[in-house]
Amino acid sequence: MSQTVAPPREIRVSKDRAVLTVVGPQEGEHSFSAEMLRVLSPSAEVQGHSPEQRVTVGGKRNVKIADVRPVGNYAIRIVFDDHHDSGLYSWAYLAQLASEHETRWQSYLDELTQKGLSR
């Protein structure tokens, strides 16, 4: 996504490390479960290099956020407790996830069902 999005005012990780909250530059705040961020990682490992290569990641219901690291002023790298850390979550990608939250999550749940995988 080539859209430029201003950095958030604040990024918080919940005490239990299960939720990332992003407070937008102007309005609103959006919370994302660690599970959602992990299974929808923008990494090539998950997204592949084309839609046909996309991987459905199951078994991450209890994944936690181990660390959040800034990448310049355009993204964060989220390190999960399963050691996945190759996705760069740009502000634009997080904004897209926020606006498509319900649709993306339902699509993921449908893919799990179709492939016989569990959360």
N, C-alpha and C. Protein backbone atom coordinates (compact mmCIF):
# COMPACT_ATOMS: atom_id res chain seq x y z
N MET A 1 0.85 -1.16 0.00
CA MET A 1 0.00 0.00 0.00
C MET A 1 0.90 1.23 0.00
N SER A 2 0.70 2.16 -0.90
CA SER A 2 1.58 3.30 -1.03
C SER A 2 1.06 4.54 -0.32
N GLN A 3 -0.10 4.47 0.28
CA GLN A 3 -0.69 5.59 0.97
C GLN A 3 0.19 6.01 2.15
N THR A 4 0.40 7.33 2.31
CA THR A 4 1.17 7.83 3.44
C THR A 4 0.21 8.14 4.57
N VAL A 5 0.51 7.64 5.74
CA VAL A 5 -0.32 7.86 6.91
C VAL A 5 0.60 8.40 8.01
N ALA A 6 0.14 9.43 8.69
CA ALA A 6 0.93 10.02 9.78
C ALA A 6 1.09 9.01 10.91
N PRO A 7 2.21 9.09 11.62
CA PRO A 7 2.42 8.18 12.74
C PRO A 7 1.38 8.39 13.84
N PRO A 8 1.09 7.35 14.58
CA PRO A 8 0.13 7.48 15.68
C PRO A 8 0.72 8.32 16.81
N ARG A 9 -0.17 8.84 17.64
CA ARG A 9 0.28 9.60 18.82
C ARG A 9 0.81 8.67 19.90
N GLU A 10 0.25 7.48 19.96
CA GLU A 10 0.63 6.55 21.02
C GLU A 10 0.41 5.12 20.57
N ILE A 11 1.29 4.23 21.05
CA ILE A 11 1.15 2.79 20.82
C ILE A 11 1.31 2.14 22.19
N ARG A 12 0.32 1.32 22.57
CA ARG A 12 0.36 0.65 23.88
C ARG A 12 0.19 -0.85 23.71
N VAL A 13 0.88 -1.59 24.55
CA VAL A 13 0.69 -3.04 24.62
C VAL A 13 0.06 -3.31 25.98
N SER A 14 -1.00 -4.11 25.99
CA SER A 14 -1.69 -4.42 27.25
C SER A 14 -0.76 -5.18 28.20
N LYS A 15 -1.11 -5.13 29.49
CA LYS A 15 -0.28 -5.80 30.51
C LYS A 15 -0.10 -7.28 30.21
N ASP A 16 -1.15 -7.92 29.70
CA ASP A 16 -1.07 -9.35 29.42
C ASP A 16 -0.41 -9.64 28.07
N ARG A 17 0.01 -8.59 27.36
CA ARG A 17 0.73 -8.68 26.08
C ARG A 17 -0.14 -9.23 24.96
N ALA A 18 -1.47 -9.23 25.13
CA ALA A 18 -2.38 -9.83 24.15
C ALA A 18 -3.03 -8.82 23.22
N VAL A 19 -2.86 -7.51 23.49
CA VAL A 19 -3.54 -6.48 22.69
C VAL A 19 -2.59 -5.31 22.45
N LEU A 20 -2.60 -4.85 21.21
CA LEU A 20 -1.87 -3.64 20.82
C LEU A 20 -2.91 -2.56 20.53
N THR A 21 -2.76 -1.41 21.16
CA THR A 21 -3.66 -0.29 20.92
C THR A 21 -2.88 0.82 20.24
N VAL A 22 -3.45 1.34 19.17
CA VAL A 22 -2.84 2.41 18.40
C VAL A 22 -3.78 3.61 18.47
N VAL A 23 -3.25 4.73 18.98
CA VAL A 23 -4.03 5.96 19.06
C VAL A 23 -3.65 6.81 17.86
N GLY A 24 -4.61 7.04 16.99
CA GLY A 24 -4.38 7.73 15.72
C GLY A 24 -3.85 9.14 15.88
N PRO A 25 -3.29 9.68 14.81
CA PRO A 25 -2.74 11.03 14.86
C PRO A 25 -3.80 12.10 15.08
N GLN A 26 -5.01 11.89 14.60
CA GLN A 26 -6.07 12.87 14.80
C GLN A 26 -7.21 12.31 15.64
N GLU A 27 -7.76 11.20 15.21
CA GLU A 27 -8.95 10.71 15.89
C GLU A 27 -8.88 9.22 16.13
N GLY A 28 -9.56 8.84 17.18
CA GLY A 28 -9.79 7.43 17.45
C GLY A 28 -8.60 6.62 17.90
N GLU A 29 -8.94 5.49 18.44
CA GLU A 29 -7.94 4.50 18.78
C GLU A 29 -8.47 3.15 18.35
N HIS A 30 -7.54 2.30 17.98
CA HIS A 30 -7.90 0.97 17.49
C HIS A 30 -7.08 -0.06 18.25
N SER A 31 -7.75 -1.10 18.66
CA SER A 31 -7.07 -2.19 19.36
C SER A 31 -7.08 -3.43 18.49
N PHE A 32 -5.95 -4.12 18.51
CA PHE A 32 -5.77 -5.33 17.71
C PHE A 32 -5.29 -6.44 18.64
N SER A 33 -5.89 -7.61 18.52
CA SER A 33 -5.39 -8.73 19.31
C SER A 33 -4.04 -9.17 18.74
N ALA A 34 -3.19 -9.69 19.61
CA ALA A 34 -1.91 -10.21 19.16
C ALA A 34 -2.14 -11.31 18.13
N GLU A 35 -3.16 -12.12 18.34
CA GLU A 35 -3.47 -13.19 17.40
C GLU A 35 -3.75 -12.63 16.00
N MET A 36 -4.59 -11.61 15.93
CA MET A 36 -4.92 -11.04 14.62
C MET A 36 -3.67 -10.47 13.94
N LEU A 37 -2.88 -9.72 14.70
CA LEU A 37 -1.67 -9.15 14.12
C LEU A 37 -0.71 -10.23 13.64
N ARG A 38 -0.63 -11.32 14.38
CA ARG A 38 0.29 -12.42 14.00
C ARG A 38 -0.19 -13.13 12.74
N VAL A 39 -1.48 -13.46 12.68
CA VAL A 39 -1.97 -14.26 11.55
C VAL A 39 -2.16 -13.42 10.29
N LEU A 40 -2.25 -12.10 10.45
CA LEU A 40 -2.37 -11.21 9.29
C LEU A 40 -1.08 -10.40 9.11
N SER A 41 0.01 -10.95 9.58
CA SER A 41 1.31 -10.28 9.45
C SER A 41 1.56 -9.90 8.00
N PRO A 42 2.09 -8.69 7.78
CA PRO A 42 2.41 -8.28 6.41
C PRO A 42 3.69 -8.92 5.87
N SER A 43 4.27 -9.83 6.61
CA SER A 43 5.52 -10.48 6.19
C SER A 43 5.33 -11.36 4.96
N ALA A 44 6.39 -11.54 4.22
CA ALA A 44 6.36 -12.43 3.06
C ALA A 44 6.10 -13.87 3.51
N GLU A 45 6.53 -14.21 4.71
CA GLU A 45 6.31 -15.56 5.26
C GLU A 45 4.82 -15.88 5.33
N VAL A 46 4.00 -14.89 5.64
CA VAL A 46 2.55 -15.08 5.75
C VAL A 46 1.84 -14.68 4.45
N GLN A 47 2.16 -13.53 3.92
CA GLN A 47 1.46 -13.00 2.75
C GLN A 47 1.95 -13.61 1.44
N GLY A 48 3.14 -14.19 1.44
CA GLY A 48 3.71 -14.71 0.20
C GLY A 48 4.07 -13.56 -0.72
N HIS A 49 4.43 -13.88 -1.93
CA HIS A 49 4.78 -12.86 -2.91
C HIS A 49 3.67 -12.65 -3.92
N SER A 50 2.57 -13.38 -3.74
CA SER A 50 1.38 -13.22 -4.57
C SER A 50 0.20 -13.79 -3.77
N PRO A 51 -1.02 -13.44 -4.13
CA PRO A 51 -2.18 -13.96 -3.39
C PRO A 51 -2.23 -15.49 -3.33
N GLU A 52 -1.76 -16.14 -4.35
CA GLU A 52 -1.78 -17.62 -4.37
C GLU A 52 -0.82 -18.22 -3.34
N GLN A 53 0.18 -17.46 -2.93
CA GLN A 53 1.18 -17.95 -1.98
C GLN A 53 0.83 -17.63 -0.53
N ARG A 54 -0.27 -16.92 -0.31
CA ARG A 54 -0.63 -16.54 1.06
C ARG A 54 -0.81 -17.78 1.92
N VAL A 55 -0.31 -17.71 3.15
CA VAL A 55 -0.36 -18.83 4.08
C VAL A 55 -1.41 -18.55 5.16
N THR A 56 -2.27 -19.52 5.42
CA THR A 56 -3.22 -19.41 6.53
C THR A 56 -2.53 -19.96 7.77
N VAL A 57 -2.31 -19.11 8.75
CA VAL A 57 -1.59 -19.48 9.97
C VAL A 57 -2.60 -19.83 11.04
N GLY A 58 -2.55 -21.04 11.51
CA GLY A 58 -3.44 -21.47 12.59
C GLY A 58 -2.68 -21.62 13.89
N GLY A 59 -3.41 -21.93 14.96
CA GLY A 59 -2.79 -22.24 16.24
C GLY A 59 -2.14 -21.07 16.95
N LYS A 60 -2.64 -19.86 16.75
CA LYS A 60 -2.02 -18.69 17.37
C LYS A 60 -2.93 -17.97 18.35
N ARG A 61 -3.97 -18.66 18.82
CA ARG A 61 -4.94 -18.04 19.73
C ARG A 61 -4.26 -17.43 20.96
N ASN A 62 -3.23 -18.05 21.46
CA ASN A 62 -2.58 -17.58 22.69
C ASN A 62 -1.26 -16.87 22.48
N VAL A 63 -0.96 -16.48 21.24
CA VAL A 63 0.29 -15.78 20.98
C VAL A 63 0.28 -14.42 21.69
N LYS A 64 1.44 -13.98 22.14
CA LYS A 64 1.58 -12.70 22.84
C LYS A 64 2.60 -11.82 22.12
N ILE A 65 2.52 -10.55 22.40
CA ILE A 65 3.48 -9.58 21.86
C ILE A 65 4.65 -9.52 22.82
N ALA A 66 5.82 -9.87 22.35
CA ALA A 66 7.02 -9.84 23.19
C ALA A 66 7.67 -8.46 23.18
N ASP A 67 7.61 -7.77 22.02
CA ASP A 67 8.27 -6.47 21.90
C ASP A 67 7.70 -5.73 20.69
N VAL A 68 7.77 -4.42 20.75
CA VAL A 68 7.39 -3.56 19.63
C VAL A 68 8.55 -2.61 19.41
N ARG A 69 9.05 -2.59 18.17
CA ARG A 69 10.22 -1.77 17.86
C ARG A 69 9.89 -0.81 16.72
N PRO A 70 10.23 0.48 16.88
CA PRO A 70 10.00 1.42 15.79
C PRO A 70 10.90 1.13 14.59
N VAL A 71 10.39 1.38 13.41
CA VAL A 71 11.17 1.28 12.17
C VAL A 71 11.02 2.63 11.49
N GLY A 72 12.04 3.45 11.60
CA GLY A 72 11.95 4.81 11.08
C GLY A 72 10.74 5.50 11.69
N ASN A 73 10.08 6.34 10.91
CA ASN A 73 8.84 6.95 11.41
C ASN A 73 7.66 6.53 10.56
N TYR A 74 7.76 5.32 9.98
CA TYR A 74 6.68 4.85 9.11
C TYR A 74 6.09 3.51 9.53
N ALA A 75 6.70 2.82 10.51
CA ALA A 75 6.23 1.47 10.83
C ALA A 75 6.74 1.02 12.19
N ILE A 76 6.22 -0.13 12.61
CA ILE A 76 6.75 -0.83 13.77
C ILE A 76 7.01 -2.28 13.38
N ARG A 77 7.94 -2.88 14.06
CA ARG A 77 8.19 -4.33 13.94
C ARG A 77 7.67 -4.93 15.24
N ILE A 78 6.77 -5.89 15.11
CA ILE A 78 6.23 -6.56 16.29
C ILE A 78 6.92 -7.91 16.42
N VAL A 79 7.47 -8.15 17.59
CA VAL A 79 8.08 -9.44 17.90
C VAL A 79 7.08 -10.20 18.74
N PHE A 80 6.74 -11.41 18.29
CA PHE A 80 5.78 -12.24 19.00
C PHE A 80 6.51 -13.29 19.81
N ASP A 81 5.85 -13.84 20.81
CA ASP A 81 6.52 -14.83 21.66
C ASP A 81 6.76 -16.16 20.96
N ASP A 82 6.24 -16.32 19.73
CA ASP A 82 6.58 -17.52 18.94
C ASP A 82 7.78 -17.22 18.03
N HIS A 83 8.43 -16.07 18.26
CA HIS A 83 9.64 -15.62 17.58
C HIS A 83 9.41 -15.08 16.17
N HIS A 84 8.17 -14.97 15.74
CA HIS A 84 7.90 -14.34 14.44
C HIS A 84 8.14 -12.84 14.60
N ASP A 85 8.96 -12.27 13.72
CA ASP A 85 9.24 -10.83 13.82
C ASP A 85 9.58 -10.21 12.47
N SER A 86 9.19 -10.86 11.39
CA SER A 86 9.61 -10.37 10.08
C SER A 86 8.62 -9.43 9.41
N GLY A 87 7.50 -9.13 10.04
CA GLY A 87 6.54 -8.22 9.43
C GLY A 87 6.76 -6.78 9.86
N LEU A 88 6.75 -5.87 8.90
CA LEU A 88 6.80 -4.44 9.21
C LEU A 88 5.38 -3.90 9.10
N TYR A 89 4.84 -3.47 10.20
CA TYR A 89 3.47 -2.96 10.27
C TYR A 89 3.51 -1.46 10.06
N SER A 90 3.35 -1.04 8.81
CA SER A 90 3.36 0.39 8.51
C SER A 90 2.10 1.02 9.08
N TRP A 91 2.14 2.35 9.25
CA TRP A 91 0.96 3.05 9.74
C TRP A 91 -0.19 2.84 8.76
N ALA A 92 0.11 2.82 7.47
CA ALA A 92 -0.94 2.60 6.46
C ALA A 92 -1.55 1.20 6.61
N TYR A 93 -0.72 0.19 6.86
CA TYR A 93 -1.24 -1.17 7.01
C TYR A 93 -2.12 -1.26 8.26
N LEU A 94 -1.67 -0.66 9.37
CA LEU A 94 -2.48 -0.68 10.59
C LEU A 94 -3.81 0.06 10.38
N ALA A 95 -3.77 1.18 9.64
CA ALA A 95 -5.01 1.90 9.34
C ALA A 95 -5.95 1.03 8.49
N GLN A 96 -5.37 0.30 7.54
CA GLN A 96 -6.17 -0.59 6.71
C GLN A 96 -6.78 -1.71 7.55
N LEU A 97 -5.98 -2.30 8.45
CA LEU A 97 -6.51 -3.35 9.33
C LEU A 97 -7.64 -2.81 10.20
N ALA A 98 -7.48 -1.59 10.67
CA ALA A 98 -8.52 -0.99 11.52
C ALA A 98 -9.82 -0.82 10.73
N SER A 99 -9.71 -0.33 9.50
CA SER A 99 -10.93 -0.07 8.72
C SER A 99 -11.57 -1.35 8.19
N GLU A 100 -10.78 -2.41 8.05
CA GLU A 100 -11.29 -3.68 7.52
C GLU A 100 -11.31 -4.78 8.58
N HIS A 101 -11.27 -4.39 9.84
CA HIS A 101 -11.10 -5.33 10.94
C HIS A 101 -12.06 -6.52 10.88
N GLU A 102 -13.35 -6.23 10.85
CA GLU A 102 -14.35 -7.31 10.89
C GLU A 102 -14.27 -8.21 9.65
N THR A 103 -14.14 -7.60 8.48
CA THR A 103 -14.08 -8.36 7.24
C THR A 103 -12.84 -9.25 7.20
N ARG A 104 -11.69 -8.69 7.55
CA ARG A 104 -10.44 -9.46 7.53
C ARG A 104 -10.48 -10.61 8.52
N TRP A 105 -10.99 -10.33 9.72
CA TRP A 105 -11.05 -11.38 10.75
C TRP A 105 -11.99 -12.50 10.32
N GLN A 106 -13.16 -12.15 9.78
CA GLN A 106 -14.10 -13.17 9.35
C GLN A 106 -13.51 -14.00 8.20
N SER A 107 -12.82 -13.38 7.28
CA SER A 107 -12.18 -14.11 6.18
C SER A 107 -11.16 -15.10 6.72
N TYR A 108 -10.39 -14.65 7.72
CA TYR A 108 -9.40 -15.53 8.34
C TYR A 108 -10.09 -16.74 9.00
N LEU A 109 -11.15 -16.49 9.76
CA LEU A 109 -11.88 -17.59 10.41
C LEU A 109 -12.46 -18.55 9.38
N ASP A 110 -12.98 -18.01 8.28
CA ASP A 110 -13.51 -18.86 7.20
C ASP A 110 -12.41 -19.72 6.58
N GLU A 111 -11.23 -19.13 6.37
CA GLU A 111 -10.09 -19.89 5.81
C GLU A 111 -9.70 -21.04 6.74
N LEU A 112 -9.67 -20.75 8.04
CA LEU A 112 -9.34 -21.81 9.01
C LEU A 112 -10.30 -22.97 8.88
N THR A 113 -11.60 -22.67 8.82
CA THR A 113 -12.62 -23.69 8.70
C THR A 113 -12.44 -24.50 7.42
N GLN A 114 -12.25 -23.79 6.30
CA GLN A 114 -12.10 -24.47 5.01
C GLN A 114 -10.89 -25.39 4.99
N LYS A 115 -9.83 -25.01 5.71
CA LYS A 115 -8.59 -25.80 5.69
C LYS A 115 -8.48 -26.77 6.86
N GLY A 116 -9.51 -26.80 7.71
CA GLY A 116 -9.49 -27.73 8.83
C GLY A 116 -8.48 -27.37 9.90
N LEU A 117 -8.16 -26.10 10.02
CA LEU A 117 -7.20 -25.64 11.01
C LEU A 117 -7.94 -25.04 12.22
N SER A 118 -7.25 -24.96 13.34
CA SER A 118 -7.86 -24.35 14.52
C SER A 118 -7.06 -23.11 14.91
N ARG A 119 -7.71 -22.30 15.68
CA ARG A 119 -7.07 -21.08 16.16
C ARG A 119 -6.08 -21.44 17.22
